[in-house]
């Protein structure tokens, strides 16, 4: 039985192995992605984003527990900053989810950003595909946690939840339009501390005057305390309600179209960058051109244009 079939039959080892193959772009990684595609698209992908320190990881652990209690299979992709030494993920989020590790209905994977911007890794969509092939009911993607920059999550998730907390102070009042507009659900976590009611009221007011691209759904604000297990059921209900609303309003096809465009743009970009890097490392003419720039015989802008033209022209160079 090949690795794709094993994933479809919920072989956790096969899923873990396939993810490593995809992340490291090992031989055969594209074949896995091509073969898994026909079994994808049935999972509900939930994006969790927000500034550092708001309790995203603890909240996700409780959220996953609630889904599991309903008999759901849950995949979690925790995106961490890239280590400057190993290039791997700093596994802070996974440490907070230790209680879930032994649950057969939960699969957790930490990923390094590896140059990805917007709060997600460059291979995030591919890993989602693998988890969809595993027949996950719910896939939760936690962004790296840089707050205002984590807007790309809207390009991989059907439901986006933005997590904030009362102790952010003025940060809630200066919430940028990008973060405000991507949220389907806003969560004020740590409602057991002072200022929670005020934060919820302020956020609800901001939402009431904001403009949203999907008029059929007005974002809701949910109060939670992950540590005290408060508001988790209400949050799950809001997620289900948003999914139901998307289906009824035909919003899912609209989002899926955008997600597919984002995915294909990423595939094309990755392939282009790989060809360019390969050429700059192995093509004698390109290396000579770089030497000319170093010696100030040609400017880097003209040289870059020449390299760009060469990468695009497959008759001139067929990189790996």
Protein backbone atom coordinates (compact mmCIF):
# COMPACT_ATOMS: atom_id res chain seq x y z
CA UNK A 1 0.00 0.00 0.00
CA UNK A 2 1.51 3.35 -1.04
CA UNK A 3 1.81 6.29 1.32
CA UNK A 4 -1.25 8.13 -0.05
CA UNK A 5 -3.52 5.13 0.53
CA UNK A 6 -2.11 4.75 4.03
CA UNK A 7 -2.94 8.40 4.75
CA UNK A 8 -6.49 7.90 3.48
CA UNK A 9 -6.86 4.98 5.91
CA UNK A 10 -5.69 7.25 8.75
CA UNK A 11 -2.18 5.90 9.19
CA UNK A 12 -0.59 8.50 11.47
CA UNK A 13 2.98 7.41 10.71
CA UNK A 14 2.34 7.73 6.97
CA UNK A 15 0.91 11.23 7.48
CA UNK A 16 3.91 12.31 9.56
CA UNK A 17 6.33 10.88 7.01
CA UNK A 18 4.54 12.53 4.10
CA UNK A 19 4.59 15.92 5.83
CA UNK A 20 8.38 15.64 6.27
CA UNK A 21 8.78 14.69 2.62
CA UNK A 22 6.72 17.71 1.55
CA UNK A 23 8.49 20.15 3.88
CA UNK A 24 11.93 19.02 2.73
CA UNK A 25 10.92 18.72 -0.93
CA UNK A 26 12.29 15.19 -1.10
CA UNK A 27 12.06 13.07 -4.24
CA UNK A 28 8.46 12.18 -4.97
CA UNK A 29 6.88 15.01 -2.95
CA UNK A 30 4.95 16.31 -5.95
CA UNK A 31 3.59 12.83 -6.70
CA UNK A 32 2.18 12.65 -3.16
CA UNK A 33 0.46 16.02 -3.54
CA UNK A 34 -0.94 15.11 -6.95
CA UNK A 35 -2.29 11.77 -5.72
CA UNK A 36 -3.82 13.16 -2.51
CA UNK A 37 -5.69 15.97 -4.26
CA UNK A 38 -8.78 13.97 -5.26
CA UNK A 39 -9.42 13.12 -1.59
CA UNK A 40 -9.29 16.70 -0.32
CA UNK A 41 -11.75 19.52 0.29
CA UNK A 42 -14.04 18.04 2.93
CA UNK A 43 -12.34 19.30 6.11
CA UNK A 44 -13.28 22.57 7.78
CA UNK A 45 -10.14 24.70 8.06
CA UNK A 46 -10.08 27.15 10.97
CA UNK A 47 -7.40 29.83 11.19
CA UNK A 48 -6.41 31.15 14.61
CA UNK A 49 -4.41 34.35 14.65
CA UNK A 50 -3.60 37.24 16.97
CA UNK A 51 -0.75 38.97 18.82
CA UNK A 52 1.69 37.12 21.10
CA UNK A 53 0.62 36.57 24.69
CA UNK A 54 -3.13 36.28 24.17
CA UNK A 55 -3.21 32.54 24.87
CA UNK A 56 -3.75 31.16 21.36
CA UNK A 57 -2.09 27.81 21.99
CA UNK A 58 -3.95 27.12 25.24
CA UNK A 59 -7.20 28.12 23.57
CA UNK A 60 -6.53 25.81 20.62
CA UNK A 61 -5.88 22.91 22.98
CA UNK A 62 -9.27 23.45 24.63
CA UNK A 63 -10.95 23.95 21.28
CA UNK A 64 -9.52 20.67 20.01
CA UNK A 65 -10.66 18.87 23.15
CA UNK A 66 -14.20 20.10 22.57
CA UNK A 67 -14.22 18.89 18.97
CA UNK A 68 -12.81 15.52 20.04
CA UNK A 69 -15.55 15.18 22.66
CA UNK A 70 -17.97 15.39 19.72
CA UNK A 71 -16.21 12.52 17.94
CA UNK A 72 -14.29 14.70 15.49
CA UNK A 73 -10.82 14.08 14.07
CA UNK A 74 -8.73 17.21 14.55
CA UNK A 75 -5.52 18.27 12.82
CA UNK A 76 -3.47 21.11 14.29
CA UNK A 77 -0.79 23.01 12.39
CA UNK A 78 1.16 25.25 14.75
CA UNK A 79 3.40 27.62 12.82
CA UNK A 80 6.44 28.78 14.76
CA UNK A 81 9.33 31.14 14.03
CA UNK A 82 12.23 29.55 12.17
CA UNK A 83 15.30 28.75 14.24
CA UNK A 84 18.25 30.83 12.94
CA UNK A 85 20.53 27.84 13.60
CA UNK A 86 18.69 24.68 12.54
CA UNK A 87 16.07 26.20 10.23
CA UNK A 88 13.40 24.23 12.10
CA UNK A 89 10.44 25.30 14.17
CA UNK A 90 10.76 26.46 17.76
CA UNK A 91 8.26 24.10 19.37
CA UNK A 92 6.76 26.37 21.99
CA UNK A 93 3.19 25.75 20.87
CA UNK A 94 3.57 22.00 20.85
CA UNK A 95 4.79 21.98 24.45
CA UNK A 96 1.52 23.65 25.49
CA UNK A 97 -0.46 20.93 23.71
CA UNK A 98 1.20 17.95 25.38
CA UNK A 99 -2.11 16.70 26.79
CA UNK A 100 -3.39 16.17 23.25
CA UNK A 101 -0.39 14.22 21.96
CA UNK A 102 -1.69 10.80 23.01
CA UNK A 103 -5.21 11.32 21.70
CA UNK A 104 -5.70 9.18 18.59
CA UNK A 105 -8.23 11.69 17.21
CA UNK A 106 -5.71 14.55 17.25
CA UNK A 107 -2.64 15.06 15.07
CA UNK A 108 -0.34 18.00 15.83
CA UNK A 109 2.41 19.30 13.59
CA UNK A 110 4.66 22.27 14.27
CA UNK A 111 6.08 24.00 11.21
CA UNK A 112 8.77 26.60 10.70
CA UNK A 113 7.90 29.67 8.66
CA UNK A 114 11.02 29.09 6.52
CA UNK A 115 10.79 32.51 4.94
CA UNK A 116 7.01 32.64 4.78
CA UNK A 117 5.39 35.97 5.56
CA UNK A 118 1.89 36.86 6.65
CA UNK A 119 2.03 34.51 9.63
CA UNK A 120 1.97 31.19 7.76
CA UNK A 121 4.61 28.90 6.29
CA UNK A 122 5.13 28.51 2.55
CA UNK A 123 4.06 24.84 2.68
CA UNK A 124 1.05 25.32 4.97
CA UNK A 125 -1.49 24.69 2.22
CA UNK A 126 0.27 21.46 1.22
CA UNK A 127 0.15 20.16 4.79
CA UNK A 128 -3.54 21.04 4.94
CA UNK A 129 -4.03 18.94 1.81
CA UNK A 130 -2.39 15.95 3.51
CA UNK A 131 -4.57 16.36 6.60
CA UNK A 132 -7.64 16.60 4.38
CA UNK A 133 -6.57 13.33 2.77
CA UNK A 134 -6.35 11.86 6.28
CA UNK A 135 -10.06 12.75 6.54
CA UNK A 136 -9.70 15.25 9.35
CA UNK A 137 -13.06 16.77 10.23
CA UNK A 138 -11.43 19.97 11.48
CA UNK A 139 -8.01 21.44 10.74
CA UNK A 140 -6.82 24.27 13.00
CA UNK A 141 -4.00 26.47 11.74
CA UNK A 142 -2.28 28.69 14.31
CA UNK A 143 -0.28 31.53 12.80
CA UNK A 144 3.18 32.44 14.01
CA UNK A 145 1.72 35.17 16.21
CA UNK A 146 3.04 38.45 14.86
CA UNK A 147 -0.32 40.10 15.21
CA UNK A 148 -0.95 42.69 12.55
CA UNK A 149 1.09 40.84 9.91
CA UNK A 150 -0.80 37.54 10.14
CA UNK A 151 -3.37 38.33 7.46
CA UNK A 152 -2.47 35.58 4.97
CA UNK A 153 -4.42 33.07 7.05
CA UNK A 154 -7.55 34.20 5.19
CA UNK A 155 -6.06 32.56 2.10
CA UNK A 156 -6.01 29.07 3.62
CA UNK A 157 -8.92 29.02 6.10
CA UNK A 158 -12.71 29.02 5.74
CA UNK A 159 -13.23 30.42 9.23
CA UNK A 160 -10.76 32.93 10.68
CA UNK A 161 -10.74 33.65 14.42
CA UNK A 162 -8.74 36.60 15.74
CA UNK A 163 -7.72 36.20 19.39
CA UNK A 164 -7.20 39.23 21.62
CA UNK A 165 -7.14 39.77 25.37
CA UNK A 166 -8.04 42.60 27.78
CA UNK A 167 -4.42 43.11 28.82
CA UNK A 168 -3.52 44.30 25.33
CA UNK A 169 -4.63 47.76 26.42
CA UNK A 170 -4.28 50.31 23.65
CA UNK A 171 -3.40 47.58 21.13
CA UNK A 172 -7.09 46.73 20.77
CA UNK A 173 -7.87 50.36 20.05
CA UNK A 174 -5.18 50.51 17.35
CA UNK A 175 -6.17 47.22 15.71
CA UNK A 176 -5.33 47.69 12.05
CA UNK A 177 -7.97 47.41 9.36
CA UNK A 178 -6.29 44.31 7.89
CA UNK A 179 -6.70 42.32 11.08
CA UNK A 180 -10.18 43.70 11.69
CA UNK A 181 -11.38 42.76 8.21
CA UNK A 182 -10.10 39.19 8.08
CA UNK A 183 -11.86 38.02 11.25
CA UNK A 184 -15.07 36.00 11.09
CA UNK A 185 -14.98 35.48 14.84
CA UNK A 186 -13.20 37.69 17.37
CA UNK A 187 -12.22 36.16 20.68
CA UNK A 188 -11.45 38.09 23.84
CA UNK A 189 -9.52 35.47 25.78
CA UNK A 190 -8.74 35.77 29.50
CA UNK A 191 -12.17 37.20 30.29
CA UNK A 192 -11.51 36.41 33.95
CA UNK A 193 -9.16 39.40 34.22
CA UNK A 194 -10.02 43.06 34.63
CA UNK A 195 -11.16 44.99 31.58
CA UNK A 196 -12.75 42.09 29.70
CA UNK A 197 -16.24 43.61 29.43
CA UNK A 198 -14.82 46.89 28.18
CA UNK A 199 -12.67 45.11 25.58
CA UNK A 200 -15.64 43.12 24.28
CA UNK A 201 -17.82 46.23 24.08
CA UNK A 202 -15.13 48.23 22.29
CA UNK A 203 -14.52 45.46 19.77
CA UNK A 204 -18.23 45.03 19.08
CA UNK A 205 -18.45 48.74 18.39
CA UNK A 206 -15.50 48.60 15.98
CA UNK A 207 -17.11 45.70 14.12
CA UNK A 208 -20.43 47.56 13.82
CA UNK A 209 -18.80 50.42 11.89
CA UNK A 210 -16.29 48.38 9.86
CA UNK A 211 -16.71 47.32 6.24
CA UNK A 212 -16.59 43.61 5.44
CA UNK A 213 -16.16 41.89 2.06
CA UNK A 214 -18.70 39.19 2.98
CA UNK A 215 -21.92 41.03 3.79
CA UNK A 216 -23.78 37.80 4.54
CA UNK A 217 -21.88 37.35 7.81
CA UNK A 218 -21.35 39.93 10.52
CA UNK A 219 -18.40 38.93 12.74
CA UNK A 220 -19.22 37.97 16.32
CA UNK A 221 -17.28 38.51 19.54
CA UNK A 222 -16.88 35.59 21.94
CA UNK A 223 -15.45 35.83 25.45
CA UNK A 224 -13.32 32.90 26.63
CA UNK A 225 -10.91 31.87 29.33
CA UNK A 226 -8.88 28.92 28.05
CA UNK A 227 -7.26 28.32 31.43
CA UNK A 228 -10.64 28.15 33.18
CA UNK A 229 -12.38 26.41 30.26
CA UNK A 230 -14.92 29.20 29.89
CA UNK A 231 -16.70 30.05 26.62
CA UNK A 232 -15.27 27.11 24.65
CA UNK A 233 -18.65 25.59 23.77
CA UNK A 234 -19.89 29.02 22.70
CA UNK A 235 -16.85 29.40 20.47
CA UNK A 236 -17.46 26.02 18.82
CA UNK A 237 -21.11 26.97 18.28
CA UNK A 238 -20.01 30.21 16.60
CA UNK A 239 -17.66 28.26 14.31
CA UNK A 240 -20.47 25.90 13.31
CA UNK A 241 -22.80 28.84 12.74
CA UNK A 242 -20.26 30.54 10.49
CA UNK A 243 -19.77 27.35 8.48
CA UNK A 244 -23.55 26.96 8.13
CA UNK A 245 -23.84 30.58 7.02
CA UNK A 246 -21.11 30.11 4.40
CA UNK A 247 -22.89 27.06 3.00
CA UNK A 248 -26.29 28.75 2.90
CA UNK A 249 -24.97 31.91 1.27
CA UNK A 250 -22.68 30.06 -1.18
CA UNK A 251 -19.78 31.78 0.52
CA UNK A 252 -17.73 28.58 0.61
CA UNK A 253 -17.26 28.46 -3.20
CA UNK A 254 -16.17 32.12 -3.15
CA UNK A 255 -13.60 31.47 -0.45
CA UNK A 256 -12.45 28.23 -2.04
CA UNK A 257 -11.87 30.05 -5.32
CA UNK A 258 -9.69 32.60 -3.55
CA UNK A 259 -7.85 29.86 -1.63
CA UNK A 260 -7.20 27.96 -4.86
CA UNK A 261 -5.85 31.06 -6.57
CA UNK A 262 -3.57 31.72 -3.59
CA UNK A 263 -2.41 28.10 -3.65
CA UNK A 264 -1.60 28.14 -7.36
CA UNK A 265 0.21 31.45 -7.06
CA UNK A 266 2.32 29.88 -4.30
CA UNK A 267 3.10 26.81 -6.42
CA UNK A 268 4.17 28.97 -9.35
CA UNK A 269 6.23 31.25 -7.10
CA UNK A 270 8.01 28.32 -5.43
CA UNK A 271 8.83 26.72 -8.76
CA UNK A 272 10.11 30.01 -10.13
CA UNK A 273 12.30 30.65 -7.08
CA UNK A 274 13.72 27.13 -7.19
CA UNK A 275 14.66 27.54 -10.83
CA UNK A 276 16.25 30.90 -10.14
CA UNK A 277 18.29 29.62 -7.16
CA UNK A 278 19.41 26.58 -9.10
CA UNK A 279 20.52 28.73 -12.00
CA UNK A 280 22.39 31.22 -9.83
CA UNK A 281 24.27 28.35 -8.19
CA UNK A 282 24.95 26.16 -11.24
CA UNK A 283 24.69 28.13 -14.50
CA UNK A 284 28.14 29.45 -15.63
CA UNK A 285 26.71 32.42 -17.54
CA UNK A 286 24.70 33.55 -14.54
CA UNK A 287 27.67 33.18 -12.22
CA UNK A 288 29.76 35.27 -14.62
CA UNK A 289 27.03 37.91 -14.66
CA UNK A 290 27.06 38.03 -10.84
CA UNK A 291 30.83 38.48 -10.91
CA UNK A 292 30.38 41.41 -13.28
CA UNK A 293 28.01 43.02 -10.79
CA UNK A 294 30.49 42.45 -7.97
CA UNK A 295 33.21 44.15 -10.03
CA UNK A 296 30.88 47.08 -10.79
CA UNK A 297 31.00 46.40 -14.53
CA UNK A 298 27.22 46.14 -14.61
CA UNK A 299 24.52 47.31 -12.22
CA UNK A 300 22.45 44.71 -10.27
CA UNK A 301 19.18 45.93 -11.81
CA UNK A 302 20.26 45.22 -15.38
CA UNK A 303 21.80 41.91 -14.30
CA UNK A 304 18.66 40.88 -12.46
CA UNK A 305 16.57 41.64 -15.54
CA UNK A 306 18.84 39.42 -17.63
CA UNK A 307 18.56 36.61 -15.08
CA UNK A 308 14.79 37.02 -14.94
CA UNK A 309 14.49 36.74 -18.71
CA UNK A 310 16.68 33.65 -18.64
CA UNK A 311 14.64 31.92 -15.94
CA UNK A 312 11.39 32.53 -17.78
CA UNK A 313 12.77 31.28 -21.10
CA UNK A 314 12.73 27.51 -20.71
CA UNK A 315 14.61 27.11 -24.00
CA UNK A 316 17.60 28.87 -22.45
CA UNK A 317 17.57 27.07 -19.13
CA UNK A 318 15.77 24.04 -17.78
CA UNK A 319 16.59 24.18 -14.08
CA UNK A 320 15.85 21.45 -11.59
